[in-house]
Protein backbone atom coordinates (compact mmCIF):
# COMPACT_ATOMS: atom_id res chain seq x y z
CA MET A 1 -13.10 7.16 5.66
CA LYS A 2 -12.51 3.95 6.90
CA LYS A 3 -10.70 1.74 5.79
CA ASP A 4 -11.74 -1.48 4.19
CA ILE A 5 -11.67 -4.43 5.79
CA THR A 6 -14.03 -6.99 3.96
CA SER A 7 -13.58 -6.44 0.16
CA ALA A 8 -10.57 -8.69 -0.24
CA LEU A 9 -12.53 -11.15 1.36
CA VAL A 10 -15.65 -10.51 -0.80
CA ALA A 11 -13.54 -11.06 -4.20
CA GLU A 12 -11.79 -14.57 -2.91
CA HIS A 13 -15.53 -15.76 -2.53
CA VAL A 14 -15.56 -15.23 -6.30
CA LEU A 15 -13.03 -17.64 -7.17
CA ILE A 16 -14.80 -19.97 -4.21
CA LYS A 17 -18.27 -19.66 -6.34
CA ARG A 18 -16.51 -20.36 -9.21
CA MET A 19 -15.74 -24.09 -8.27
CA LEU A 20 -19.13 -24.05 -6.42
CA ALA A 21 -20.86 -23.38 -9.95
CA LEU A 22 -18.54 -26.45 -11.12
CA ILE A 23 -19.55 -28.83 -8.20
CA GLU A 24 -22.81 -27.81 -9.01
CA ARG A 25 -22.67 -28.71 -12.68
CA PHE A 26 -20.45 -31.90 -12.18
CA ALA A 27 -21.95 -33.41 -9.43
CA PRO A 28 -25.42 -34.42 -10.70
CA LEU A 29 -23.74 -36.29 -13.79
CA THR A 30 -21.71 -37.96 -11.04
CA GLU A 31 -24.89 -39.21 -9.50
CA THR A 32 -26.25 -40.42 -13.33
CA GLY A 33 -22.75 -42.17 -13.84
CA GLU A 34 -22.15 -39.64 -16.73
CA PHE A 35 -19.12 -37.93 -15.23
CA ARG A 36 -16.42 -40.01 -13.81
CA ASP A 37 -13.76 -37.84 -13.48
CA TRP A 38 -12.65 -38.89 -9.76
CA GLN A 39 -9.59 -36.06 -10.08
CA PHE A 40 -12.01 -33.43 -10.41
CA TYR A 41 -13.19 -34.30 -7.08
CA LEU A 42 -9.72 -34.17 -5.91
CA ASP A 43 -8.72 -31.04 -7.15
CA GLY A 44 -11.74 -29.73 -6.12
CA ALA A 45 -11.38 -31.00 -2.32
CA ASP A 46 -7.81 -29.79 -2.66
CA PHE A 47 -8.77 -26.31 -3.74
CA ILE A 48 -11.34 -26.40 -1.07
CA ARG A 49 -9.01 -27.18 1.80
CA GLN A 50 -6.12 -24.90 0.23
CA TYR A 51 -7.58 -22.04 -0.84
CA ALA A 52 -11.13 -21.37 0.64
CA ASP A 53 -10.47 -23.15 4.00
CA ARG A 54 -6.39 -22.65 4.82
CA PHE A 55 -6.21 -19.22 2.76
CA HIS A 56 -9.82 -17.33 3.25
CA HIS A 57 -11.61 -19.21 6.20
CA ALA A 58 -7.89 -18.69 8.13
CA LYS A 59 -8.16 -14.66 7.52
CA GLU A 60 -11.99 -15.10 8.66
CA GLU A 61 -11.76 -17.08 11.68
CA ASP A 62 -8.16 -15.98 12.72
CA ILE A 63 -8.53 -12.34 12.22
CA LEU A 64 -12.20 -11.19 11.09
CA PHE A 65 -14.33 -12.97 13.59
CA GLU A 66 -11.65 -12.58 16.28
CA ALA A 67 -11.85 -8.63 15.86
CA LEU A 68 -15.76 -8.82 15.98
CA VAL A 69 -15.65 -10.41 19.41
CA ALA A 70 -13.05 -8.46 20.47
CA ASN A 71 -15.42 -5.64 19.49
CA GLY A 72 -18.49 -7.26 21.67
CA MET A 73 -19.84 -9.79 19.41
CA PRO A 74 -20.48 -12.78 21.68
CA ARG A 75 -18.39 -15.76 20.93
CA GLN A 76 -21.25 -18.52 21.24
CA ASN A 77 -24.98 -18.04 20.57
CA SER A 78 -23.71 -15.20 17.66
CA PRO A 79 -23.02 -15.01 13.75
CA VAL A 80 -19.86 -15.91 14.30
CA ALA A 81 -20.40 -19.11 16.20
CA ALA A 82 -22.69 -20.03 13.32
CA MET A 83 -19.69 -19.45 10.40
CA LEU A 84 -17.54 -21.38 12.73
CA MET A 85 -19.80 -24.42 12.88
CA GLU A 86 -20.51 -24.10 9.18
CA HIS A 87 -16.81 -23.71 8.38
CA ASP A 88 -16.52 -27.37 10.29
CA LEU A 89 -19.88 -28.54 8.83
CA GLY A 90 -18.63 -28.08 5.21
CA ARG A 91 -15.12 -29.69 6.31
CA GLY A 92 -16.83 -32.83 6.65
CA TYR A 93 -18.88 -32.92 3.72
CA VAL A 94 -15.48 -32.16 2.06
CA LYS A 95 -13.53 -34.93 3.59
CA THR A 96 -16.30 -37.43 2.51
CA PHE A 97 -16.40 -37.15 -0.94
CA ALA A 98 -12.34 -36.64 -1.31
CA ASP A 99 -12.22 -40.18 0.40
CA ALA A 100 -14.78 -41.24 -1.86
CA ALA A 101 -13.45 -40.05 -4.91
CA ALA A 102 -9.95 -41.48 -4.15
CA ARG A 103 -11.68 -44.52 -3.59
CA ALA A 104 -13.28 -44.47 -7.26
CA GLN A 105 -9.97 -43.67 -8.77
CA ALA A 106 -8.45 -46.51 -6.95
CA GLY A 107 -11.15 -48.64 -8.54
CA GLU A 108 -13.77 -49.40 -5.98
CA THR A 109 -17.24 -49.06 -7.54
CA GLY A 110 -20.18 -47.71 -6.58
CA LEU A 111 -19.48 -44.47 -4.66
CA GLU A 112 -21.13 -42.37 -7.20
CA ARG A 113 -23.79 -40.75 -5.02
CA VAL A 114 -21.71 -40.67 -2.01
CA ILE A 115 -19.64 -38.04 -4.00
CA ALA A 116 -22.50 -36.46 -5.52
CA GLU A 117 -24.43 -35.79 -2.54
CA ASN A 118 -21.37 -34.77 -0.27
CA ALA A 119 -20.20 -32.54 -3.23
CA LEU A 120 -24.07 -31.06 -3.62
CA ALA A 121 -24.39 -30.26 0.23
CA TYR A 122 -21.13 -28.54 0.45
CA ALA A 123 -22.05 -26.59 -2.66
CA ALA A 124 -25.50 -25.93 -1.02
CA LEU A 125 -24.23 -24.67 2.97
CA LEU A 126 -21.08 -22.92 1.32
CA ARG A 127 -23.34 -20.63 -1.35
CA ASP A 128 -25.55 -19.89 2.01
CA HIS A 129 -22.64 -19.18 4.22
CA ILE A 130 -21.01 -17.03 1.46
CA ALA A 131 -24.39 -14.82 0.93
CA LYS A 132 -24.74 -14.75 4.68
CA GLU A 133 -21.26 -13.20 5.37
CA ASP A 134 -21.19 -11.38 2.07
CA ASP A 135 -24.83 -9.71 2.82
CA ILE A 136 -25.14 -9.31 6.44
CA LEU A 137 -21.63 -10.24 8.72
CA TYR A 138 -19.27 -8.27 6.42
CA PRO A 139 -20.91 -5.59 6.14
CA LEU A 140 -21.69 -5.43 10.13
CA ALA A 141 -18.25 -5.99 10.26
CA GLU A 142 -17.84 -2.83 8.51
CA ARG A 143 -20.12 -0.96 10.44
CA VAL A 144 -19.09 -2.29 14.23
CA ILE A 145 -15.32 -2.54 13.66
CA PRO A 146 -13.67 1.10 14.79
CA GLU A 147 -11.00 2.93 12.69
CA GLY A 148 -8.08 1.87 15.13
CA THR A 149 -8.44 -1.57 14.75
CA ARG A 150 -8.57 -1.59 11.30
CA ASP A 151 -4.62 -1.58 10.31
CA ALA A 152 -3.85 -4.57 12.64
CA ILE A 153 -6.93 -6.47 10.81
CA ALA A 154 -4.95 -5.62 7.07
CA SER A 155 -1.82 -6.17 8.55
CA GLY A 156 -3.26 -10.10 9.64
CA TYR A 157 -4.11 -9.98 6.35
CA ALA A 158 -1.15 -9.83 4.74
CA ARG A 159 0.34 -12.07 7.05
CA ALA A 160 -1.84 -14.60 5.67
CA GLU A 161 -1.12 -13.75 2.40
CA SER A 162 2.77 -14.01 2.84
CA GLY A 163 2.49 -17.23 4.13
CA VAL A 164 1.75 -18.83 0.34
CA ASP A 165 3.92 -18.28 -2.22
CA ALA A 166 3.25 -15.99 -5.24
CA GLU A 167 1.47 -18.62 -7.59
CA PHE A 168 -1.18 -19.44 -5.07
CA SER A 169 -3.83 -18.31 -6.27
CA ALA A 170 -3.00 -18.12 -9.94
CA LYS A 171 -2.50 -22.14 -9.43
CA TYR A 172 -6.29 -22.26 -8.15
CA GLU A 173 -7.72 -19.76 -10.84
CA ARG A 174 -5.83 -21.89 -13.46
CA ILE A 175 -7.67 -25.26 -11.97
CA VAL A 176 -10.89 -23.64 -11.88
CA ALA A 177 -10.85 -22.30 -15.41
CA GLY A 178 -9.47 -25.37 -16.94
CA TYR A 179 -12.64 -27.33 -15.83
CA GLU A 180 -14.95 -24.17 -16.90
CA ALA A 181 -13.61 -24.76 -20.27
CA ARG A 182 -14.59 -28.32 -20.01
CA ASN A 183 -18.18 -29.18 -22.59
């Protein structure tokens, strides 16, 4: 039986999708002026930048995607290239809504639409992106990456995880759960 190399990534998607659900819940209310908790968007951007991007996407980009390329997937015009492009596109949406939220928190008015539209664009992009990874790319990786390279992938994930403190995931779980508990 082959050593699993994607279930940890799928498990991380669960918390990321919970944050996406919060964005989808609050952003329409921001656009209509009913939700003006700018800190939510700043916390959301921190979650995305630290947990989704620096922690999760780094494992994909630096370890799994490289293993796919090393095992015959083209770097260009391929699922890997598409996933990398979507990661970059998502970073742009996050930068835009986070910058606007910081300006709104500082007192600038009229930023509700920019915040909501970019937050919702990010959520839509990432929901679709996660579905492609969970349903297509990860199963493909499980099929094509040989057993002999799986320990190195697992070690790479462990090195990435050792770069964060023991409270890292729990901190982001608490942030998400705190916003989920709001009425």
